[in-house]
Amino acid sequence: MNMRDKFLSSNVFDFEEVDYTWHKHPVFKLQNQGNENEVFLGLTNEQLIFLNDLELVESELNPDLLIFASRHRSKTARPAFLVHTTGNWSKDADFGGDPQELSKSSALLHKAGFISLIEQEFPPRLIDFSLDIEVTHHGPTILDKPLIFMEIGSSEAEWKIDDAGVMLTNAIINTIQKYYEYKEMGNQNIGLGFGGTHYAPNFHRLIRNKNIAMSFICPKYHIQGINKVLIKKMINNTLENVDYFIIDWKGTNSEDKKHLIPILEEFEMPIKKTKDF
């Protein structure tokens, strides 16, 4: 069963088909929202990481934000729910997008996705699933809409668990409401992250426990490739105004700091350490 079927079979949310299509598939609209925000559900046969055309001209859709419900695969195959922004820090674009290019994204949407996963009630079958933020990676990178990925990982065994699909669909719908709550409250500081490992444990703790929302996170193994152009893209492609550069100080070695900090100092932006918060 694909993720769209999980939404349509939900006992919590009601979707009704509308009279236009997207990527040659029917589009469904979430009912009984109780506010002016519209939520649409679409399906594409394209691999999401290689999706380079939203084909909005052919449909009546013009979304403000995108959430991609996706499968996650890793060598460790550990059970997990994950959220992340997309982009390529290096010249390697084997997993979609363009070399050294970043998508558009929203720090508030990214945080809303993560916190919505945390707030879900885990059924016993999912007790071993971890909740992870990943650093920015893979495509797409050229879609002109802010986006995040929310994923079930990390092997076919987890993808087939019905409760996992239900939990992810619930979290995605809740993400939309939580995004607007964060936006209305206006109490989140917006950061761009540097350093640490793929699952960004120090940024995980920061986003989870503080009034910090982050869009793009560049891991330690890509810092030597960071340049002023990429920093500008991190700033400009974040929907919100950025307040800080945040460095995972312990997760960044001295050589990488020597490369990174002079570049960051060229911008009129405070530089913080994760331990400062």
Protein backbone atom coordinates (compact mmCIF):
# COMPACT_ATOMS: atom_id res chain seq x y z
CA MET A 1 0.00 0.00 0.00
CA ASN A 2 1.41 3.42 -0.95
CA MET A 3 1.33 6.37 1.40
CA ARG A 4 -1.57 8.01 -0.41
CA ASP A 5 -3.75 5.01 0.40
CA LYS A 6 -2.86 5.46 4.08
CA PHE A 7 -4.23 8.99 3.98
CA LEU A 8 -7.37 7.97 2.13
CA SER A 9 -8.12 5.07 4.49
CA SER A 10 -7.53 7.14 7.63
CA ASN A 11 -10.06 6.93 10.44
CA VAL A 12 -9.03 10.40 11.59
CA PHE A 13 -8.88 12.53 8.45
CA ASP A 14 -11.35 12.79 5.58
CA PHE A 15 -10.18 13.40 2.04
CA GLU A 16 -12.47 13.96 -0.94
CA GLU A 17 -11.51 13.80 -4.61
CA VAL A 18 -11.51 17.08 -6.52
CA ASP A 19 -12.05 17.54 -10.26
CA TYR A 20 -8.45 17.97 -11.37
CA THR A 21 -5.32 15.86 -11.49
CA TRP A 22 -1.64 16.10 -10.68
CA HIS A 23 0.99 13.99 -12.44
CA LYS A 24 -1.91 12.15 -14.12
CA HIS A 25 -3.39 11.04 -10.80
CA PRO A 26 -6.51 12.26 -8.98
CA VAL A 27 -6.06 14.96 -6.36
CA PHE A 28 -7.80 14.79 -2.97
CA LYS A 29 -8.61 17.64 -0.60
CA LEU A 30 -8.65 17.42 3.19
CA GLN A 31 -12.10 18.18 4.56
CA ASN A 32 -13.25 19.88 7.76
CA GLN A 33 -10.06 21.85 8.37
CA GLY A 34 -11.86 24.56 10.28
CA ASN A 35 -9.61 27.30 8.85
CA GLU A 36 -8.69 28.96 5.57
CA ASN A 37 -5.74 26.68 4.82
CA GLU A 38 -6.26 24.07 2.15
CA VAL A 39 -4.46 20.72 2.20
CA PHE A 40 -4.20 18.64 -0.97
CA LEU A 41 -2.99 15.09 -1.46
CA GLY A 42 -1.28 14.04 -4.66
CA LEU A 43 0.59 11.07 -6.05
CA THR A 44 3.40 10.83 -8.57
CA ASN A 45 5.05 7.83 -10.17
CA GLU A 46 8.32 9.74 -10.32
CA GLN A 47 10.97 8.96 -7.74
CA LEU A 48 10.68 11.84 -5.30
CA ILE A 49 14.40 12.50 -5.11
CA PHE A 50 14.49 12.94 -8.90
CA LEU A 51 11.32 15.01 -9.16
CA ASN A 52 12.33 18.10 -11.14
CA ASP A 53 8.94 19.33 -12.35
CA LEU A 54 5.88 19.82 -10.18
CA GLU A 55 3.78 20.19 -13.34
CA LEU A 56 1.65 22.84 -11.67
CA VAL A 57 0.82 24.48 -14.99
CA GLU A 58 -1.16 21.38 -15.96
CA SER A 59 -3.12 21.38 -12.69
CA GLU A 60 -5.03 23.93 -10.62
CA LEU A 61 -2.66 23.50 -7.69
CA ASN A 62 -0.35 26.23 -6.43
CA PRO A 63 0.84 25.06 -3.00
CA ASP A 64 2.72 27.26 -0.56
CA LEU A 65 4.56 24.31 1.02
CA LEU A 66 5.31 20.68 0.15
CA ILE A 67 5.66 17.64 2.41
CA PHE A 68 6.95 14.52 0.69
CA ALA A 69 5.87 11.28 2.38
CA SER A 70 8.69 8.90 1.57
CA ARG A 71 10.52 5.69 2.34
CA HIS A 72 13.99 5.87 3.83
CA ARG A 73 16.68 3.28 3.21
CA SER A 74 19.93 2.88 5.15
CA LYS A 75 22.64 0.28 5.45
CA THR A 76 21.87 -0.24 9.12
CA ALA A 77 18.17 -0.74 8.31
CA ARG A 78 17.22 0.57 11.74
CA PRO A 79 13.52 1.26 12.32
CA ALA A 80 13.00 5.02 12.29
CA PHE A 81 10.82 7.98 11.46
CA LEU A 82 12.81 10.81 9.93
CA VAL A 83 12.51 14.38 8.70
CA HIS A 84 14.96 16.47 6.69
CA THR A 85 15.47 19.18 4.11
CA THR A 86 17.03 18.47 0.71
CA GLY A 87 20.11 19.57 -1.18
CA ASN A 88 23.57 18.56 -2.36
CA TRP A 89 26.65 20.01 -0.65
CA SER A 90 29.13 18.49 -3.08
CA LYS A 91 29.43 17.95 -6.81
CA ASP A 92 27.93 14.48 -6.34
CA ALA A 93 24.27 14.44 -7.39
CA ASP A 94 23.76 10.70 -7.78
CA PHE A 95 20.66 10.85 -5.58
CA GLY A 96 18.80 13.59 -7.37
CA GLY A 97 18.99 17.34 -7.66
CA ASP A 98 21.85 19.41 -9.00
CA PRO A 99 25.45 19.54 -7.73
CA GLN A 100 26.03 22.07 -4.93
CA GLU A 101 22.40 23.16 -5.01
CA LEU A 102 19.81 23.41 -2.25
CA SER A 103 16.05 23.18 -2.37
CA LYS A 104 13.84 25.86 -0.92
CA SER A 105 12.70 25.02 2.58
CA SER A 106 11.13 26.29 5.78
CA ALA A 107 12.74 26.00 9.19
CA LEU A 108 9.33 26.18 10.85
CA LEU A 109 7.92 23.40 8.66
CA HIS A 110 11.03 21.29 9.34
CA LYS A 111 10.62 21.71 13.10
CA ALA A 112 6.87 21.18 12.89
CA GLY A 113 7.47 17.85 11.15
CA PHE A 114 9.93 16.67 13.77
CA ILE A 115 7.87 17.76 16.77
CA SER A 116 4.73 16.25 15.24
CA LEU A 117 6.52 12.90 15.04
CA ILE A 118 7.60 13.22 18.67
CA GLU A 119 4.05 13.97 19.79
CA GLN A 120 2.56 10.88 18.18
CA GLU A 121 1.41 8.08 20.46
CA PHE A 122 3.55 5.07 19.64
CA PRO A 123 1.73 1.73 19.46
CA PRO A 124 3.69 -1.16 21.03
CA ARG A 125 4.74 -2.47 17.63
CA LEU A 126 6.68 0.73 16.94
CA ILE A 127 8.43 1.03 20.30
CA ASP A 128 11.84 0.34 18.72
CA PHE A 129 11.52 3.11 16.13
CA SER A 130 13.83 6.07 16.62
CA LEU A 131 12.87 9.65 15.78
CA ASP A 132 15.56 11.37 13.76
CA ILE A 133 16.48 14.59 12.06
CA GLU A 134 18.83 14.01 9.17
CA VAL A 135 21.19 16.56 7.72
CA THR A 136 20.30 18.12 4.39
CA HIS A 137 20.83 15.60 1.60
CA HIS A 138 19.70 14.30 -1.84
CA GLY A 139 17.26 15.85 -4.32
CA PRO A 140 15.12 17.48 -5.43
CA THR A 141 16.80 20.86 -5.48
CA ILE A 142 15.13 22.95 -8.19
CA LEU A 143 11.45 22.94 -7.22
CA ASP A 144 10.25 26.48 -6.58
CA LYS A 145 8.38 25.58 -3.38
CA PRO A 146 9.67 25.12 0.19
CA LEU A 147 9.72 21.42 1.04
CA ILE A 148 10.63 18.78 3.58
CA PHE A 149 10.75 15.00 3.52
CA MET A 150 9.04 12.92 6.20
CA GLU A 151 10.02 9.27 6.03
CA ILE A 152 9.60 5.72 7.30
CA GLY A 153 12.88 3.83 7.55
CA SER A 154 14.81 1.96 6.92
CA SER A 155 13.97 -1.28 5.10
CA GLU A 156 11.07 -3.05 3.41
CA ALA A 157 10.15 -4.69 6.70
CA GLU A 158 9.29 -1.31 8.27
CA TRP A 159 7.61 0.02 5.12
CA LYS A 160 5.06 -2.81 5.34
CA ILE A 161 4.05 -2.12 8.95
CA ASP A 162 0.54 -0.70 8.83
CA ASP A 163 0.89 1.15 12.15
CA ALA A 164 4.00 2.91 10.85
CA GLY A 165 2.16 4.22 7.81
CA VAL A 166 -0.75 5.38 9.95
CA MET A 167 1.57 7.17 12.36
CA LEU A 168 3.41 8.97 9.57
CA THR A 169 0.18 10.13 7.92
CA ASN A 170 -1.13 11.46 11.24
CA ALA A 171 2.16 13.25 11.88
CA ILE A 172 2.14 14.85 8.42
CA ILE A 173 -1.35 16.28 8.82
CA ASN A 174 -0.48 17.52 12.31
CA THR A 175 2.68 19.10 10.89
CA ILE A 176 0.58 21.48 8.81
CA GLN A 177 -1.34 22.76 11.82
CA LYS A 178 1.80 22.99 13.94
CA TYR A 179 3.57 24.97 11.24
CA TYR A 180 0.86 27.64 11.37
CA GLU A 181 0.99 27.64 15.17
CA TYR A 182 4.73 28.35 15.11
CA LYS A 183 4.23 31.02 12.48
CA GLU A 184 1.50 32.74 14.49
CA MET A 185 3.42 32.59 17.80
CA GLY A 186 6.57 34.04 16.24
CA ASN A 187 8.74 32.73 19.09
CA GLN A 188 11.14 30.52 17.15
CA ASN A 189 14.69 31.62 16.37
CA ILE A 190 15.82 30.45 12.94
CA GLY A 191 19.20 28.77 12.49
CA LEU A 192 21.43 27.24 9.85
CA GLY A 193 23.50 24.30 11.07
CA PHE A 194 27.09 23.18 10.49
CA GLY A 195 28.94 20.12 11.75
CA GLY A 196 28.07 16.84 13.38
CA THR A 197 27.09 13.51 11.89
CA HIS A 198 24.32 12.44 9.54
CA TYR A 199 21.65 12.10 12.22
CA ALA A 200 22.61 15.45 13.79
CA PRO A 201 22.15 14.50 17.47
CA ASN A 202 23.12 17.91 18.87
CA PHE A 203 20.82 19.76 16.48
CA HIS A 204 18.14 17.17 17.29
CA ARG A 205 18.33 18.15 20.97
CA LEU A 206 18.36 21.85 20.16
CA ILE A 207 15.28 21.75 17.94
CA ARG A 208 13.47 19.45 20.34
CA ASN A 209 14.15 21.34 23.56
CA LYS A 210 14.62 25.00 22.64
CA ASN A 211 12.79 27.68 20.66
CA ILE A 212 15.07 26.98 17.73
CA ALA A 213 13.98 25.96 14.25
CA MET A 214 16.51 25.04 11.58
CA SER A 215 16.27 24.61 7.84
CA PHE A 216 19.55 23.47 6.29
CA ILE A 217 22.17 21.44 8.17
CA CYS A 218 25.57 20.79 6.61
CA PRO A 219 27.36 17.81 8.23
CA LYS A 220 31.04 17.79 9.16
CA TYR A 221 32.06 15.67 6.20
CA HIS A 222 30.96 18.39 3.75
CA ILE A 223 32.30 21.47 5.53
CA GLN A 224 35.51 21.60 3.49
CA GLY A 225 33.34 22.05 0.40
CA ILE A 226 31.34 24.92 1.87
CA ASN A 227 31.77 28.27 0.14
CA LYS A 228 30.16 31.70 0.17
CA VAL A 229 27.78 30.79 -2.66
CA LEU A 230 26.37 27.84 -0.71
CA ILE A 231 25.99 29.96 2.43
CA LYS A 232 24.00 32.52 0.42
CA LYS A 233 21.76 29.73 -0.86
CA MET A 234 21.18 28.48 2.69
CA ILE A 235 20.02 31.96 3.68
CA ASN A 236 18.04 32.82 0.57
CA ASN A 237 16.35 29.42 0.23
CA THR A 238 15.06 29.48 3.81
CA LEU A 239 11.51 30.81 3.84
CA GLU A 240 12.01 32.62 7.15
CA ASN A 241 14.57 35.28 8.01
CA VAL A 242 17.65 33.57 9.48
CA ASP A 243 18.81 34.65 12.95
CA TYR A 244 21.96 32.57 13.51
CA PHE A 245 24.62 30.35 12.08
CA ILE A 246 24.89 27.47 14.57
CA ILE A 247 27.99 25.26 14.76
CA ASP A 248 28.06 21.86 16.43
CA TRP A 249 31.36 22.78 18.06
CA LYS A 250 32.27 19.33 19.37
CA GLY A 251 31.11 17.79 16.11
CA THR A 252 33.47 19.91 14.02
CA ASN A 253 37.25 19.46 13.99
CA SER A 254 39.76 22.30 14.10
CA GLU A 255 40.63 22.17 10.39
CA ASP A 256 36.99 22.40 9.42
CA LYS A 257 36.48 25.33 11.78
CA LYS A 258 39.44 27.12 10.20
CA HIS A 259 37.78 26.71 6.81
CA LEU A 260 34.20 27.47 7.89
CA ILE A 261 34.37 30.38 10.34
CA PRO A 262 36.12 32.92 8.05
CA ILE A 263 33.42 32.29 5.44
CA LEU A 264 30.62 32.73 7.96
CA GLU A 265 32.24 35.93 9.25
CA GLU A 266 31.74 37.50 5.82
CA PHE A 267 28.03 37.62 6.57
CA GLU A 268 26.38 39.93 9.08
CA MET A 269 24.98 37.05 11.06
CA PRO A 270 25.70 35.97 14.66
CA ILE A 271 27.68 32.73 14.95
CA LYS A 272 26.51 30.50 17.81
CA LYS A 273 27.56 27.14 19.20
CA THR A 274 24.99 24.48 20.01
CA LYS A 275 26.07 24.69 23.67
CA ASP A 276 25.19 28.42 23.74
CA PHE A 277 21.47 27.64 23.92
